[in-house]
């Protein structure tokens, strides 16, 4: 009788563990799907911003904290007299 109770408790414990693992797996898959969507959205927005920066006639120059140029559109190259290395 005692062995049956111990076996029942063991099966119950395994069942609860499997339920937790399944819930955790579902949550992880949901979060991974949301992350993929966010990355795709970010890439789309970056492409739109890149097109806007390159297409504007205003000079746009992005510098880091040390003063090094990270990004300069064609108008900035023309204004400052630098050759565009990206071409």
Protein backbone atom coordinates (compact mmCIF):
# COMPACT_ATOMS: atom_id res chain seq x y z
CA UNK A 1 0.00 0.00 0.00
CA UNK A 2 2.79 2.41 0.93
CA UNK A 3 4.56 1.66 -2.35
CA UNK A 4 1.41 2.56 -4.28
CA UNK A 5 1.14 5.90 -2.48
CA UNK A 6 4.82 6.67 -3.13
CA UNK A 7 4.42 5.74 -6.82
CA UNK A 8 1.29 7.91 -7.06
CA UNK A 9 3.10 10.87 -5.52
CA UNK A 10 6.05 10.34 -7.88
CA UNK A 11 3.77 10.31 -10.92
CA UNK A 12 1.99 13.40 -9.63
CA UNK A 13 5.33 15.17 -9.16
CA UNK A 14 6.45 14.24 -12.68
CA UNK A 15 3.12 15.45 -14.07
CA UNK A 16 3.48 18.82 -12.35
CA UNK A 17 7.06 19.14 -13.58
CA UNK A 18 6.03 18.37 -17.16
CA UNK A 19 3.22 20.93 -16.94
CA UNK A 20 5.69 23.59 -15.77
CA UNK A 21 8.18 22.66 -18.53
CA UNK A 22 5.45 22.87 -21.17
CA UNK A 23 4.25 26.27 -19.93
CA UNK A 24 7.83 27.56 -19.89
CA UNK A 25 8.40 26.25 -23.44
CA UNK A 26 5.25 27.95 -24.71
CA UNK A 27 6.23 31.25 -23.08
CA UNK A 28 9.73 31.03 -24.55
CA UNK A 29 8.37 30.34 -28.04
CA UNK A 30 5.97 33.27 -27.76
CA UNK A 31 8.76 35.62 -26.66
CA UNK A 32 11.03 34.38 -29.46
CA UNK A 33 8.30 35.08 -32.01
CA UNK A 34 7.81 38.59 -30.64
CA UNK A 35 11.57 39.18 -30.76
CA UNK A 36 11.71 38.15 -34.42
CA UNK A 37 8.89 40.58 -35.23
CA UNK A 38 10.65 43.39 -33.36
CA UNK A 39 13.93 42.75 -35.21
CA UNK A 40 12.14 42.76 -38.57
CA UNK A 41 10.36 46.00 -37.66
CA UNK A 42 13.64 47.60 -36.58
CA UNK A 43 15.33 46.62 -39.84
CA UNK A 44 12.44 48.12 -41.83
CA UNK A 45 12.59 51.37 -39.86
CA UNK A 46 16.38 51.54 -40.26
CA UNK A 47 16.03 51.15 -44.04
CA UNK A 48 13.42 53.91 -44.13
CA UNK A 49 15.62 56.18 -42.03
CA UNK A 50 18.66 55.44 -44.20
CA UNK A 51 16.65 56.37 -47.30
CA UNK A 52 15.45 59.57 -45.66
CA UNK A 53 18.97 60.56 -44.57
CA UNK A 54 20.49 59.85 -47.98
CA UNK A 55 17.66 61.53 -49.88
CA UNK A 56 17.54 64.80 -48.00
CA UNK A 57 19.39 67.84 -49.33
CA UNK A 58 20.36 68.83 -45.76
CA UNK A 59 23.79 67.79 -44.53
CA UNK A 60 23.51 65.12 -41.84
CA UNK A 61 26.59 64.08 -39.89
CA UNK A 62 26.66 61.66 -36.97
CA UNK A 63 29.64 61.72 -34.60
CA UNK A 64 30.65 59.48 -31.71
CA UNK A 65 31.74 60.84 -28.32
CA UNK A 66 35.35 61.10 -29.55
CA UNK A 67 34.33 63.24 -32.53
CA UNK A 68 34.79 60.53 -35.16
CA UNK A 69 32.30 60.56 -38.03
CA UNK A 70 30.03 57.52 -37.95
CA UNK A 71 27.65 58.58 -40.71
CA UNK A 72 27.60 61.35 -43.27
CA UNK A 73 25.14 61.70 -46.12
CA UNK A 74 26.06 62.94 -49.59
CA UNK A 75 25.11 66.52 -48.74
CA UNK A 76 27.50 66.48 -45.77
CA UNK A 77 30.30 65.16 -47.99
CA UNK A 78 29.71 67.94 -50.50
CA UNK A 79 29.44 70.63 -47.80
CA UNK A 80 32.63 69.56 -46.03
CA UNK A 81 34.51 68.74 -49.23
CA UNK A 82 35.17 65.07 -48.41
CA UNK A 83 35.07 62.18 -50.84
CA UNK A 84 32.36 59.62 -50.16
CA UNK A 85 34.19 56.36 -49.38
CA UNK A 86 30.95 54.34 -49.61
CA UNK A 87 30.66 54.75 -53.37
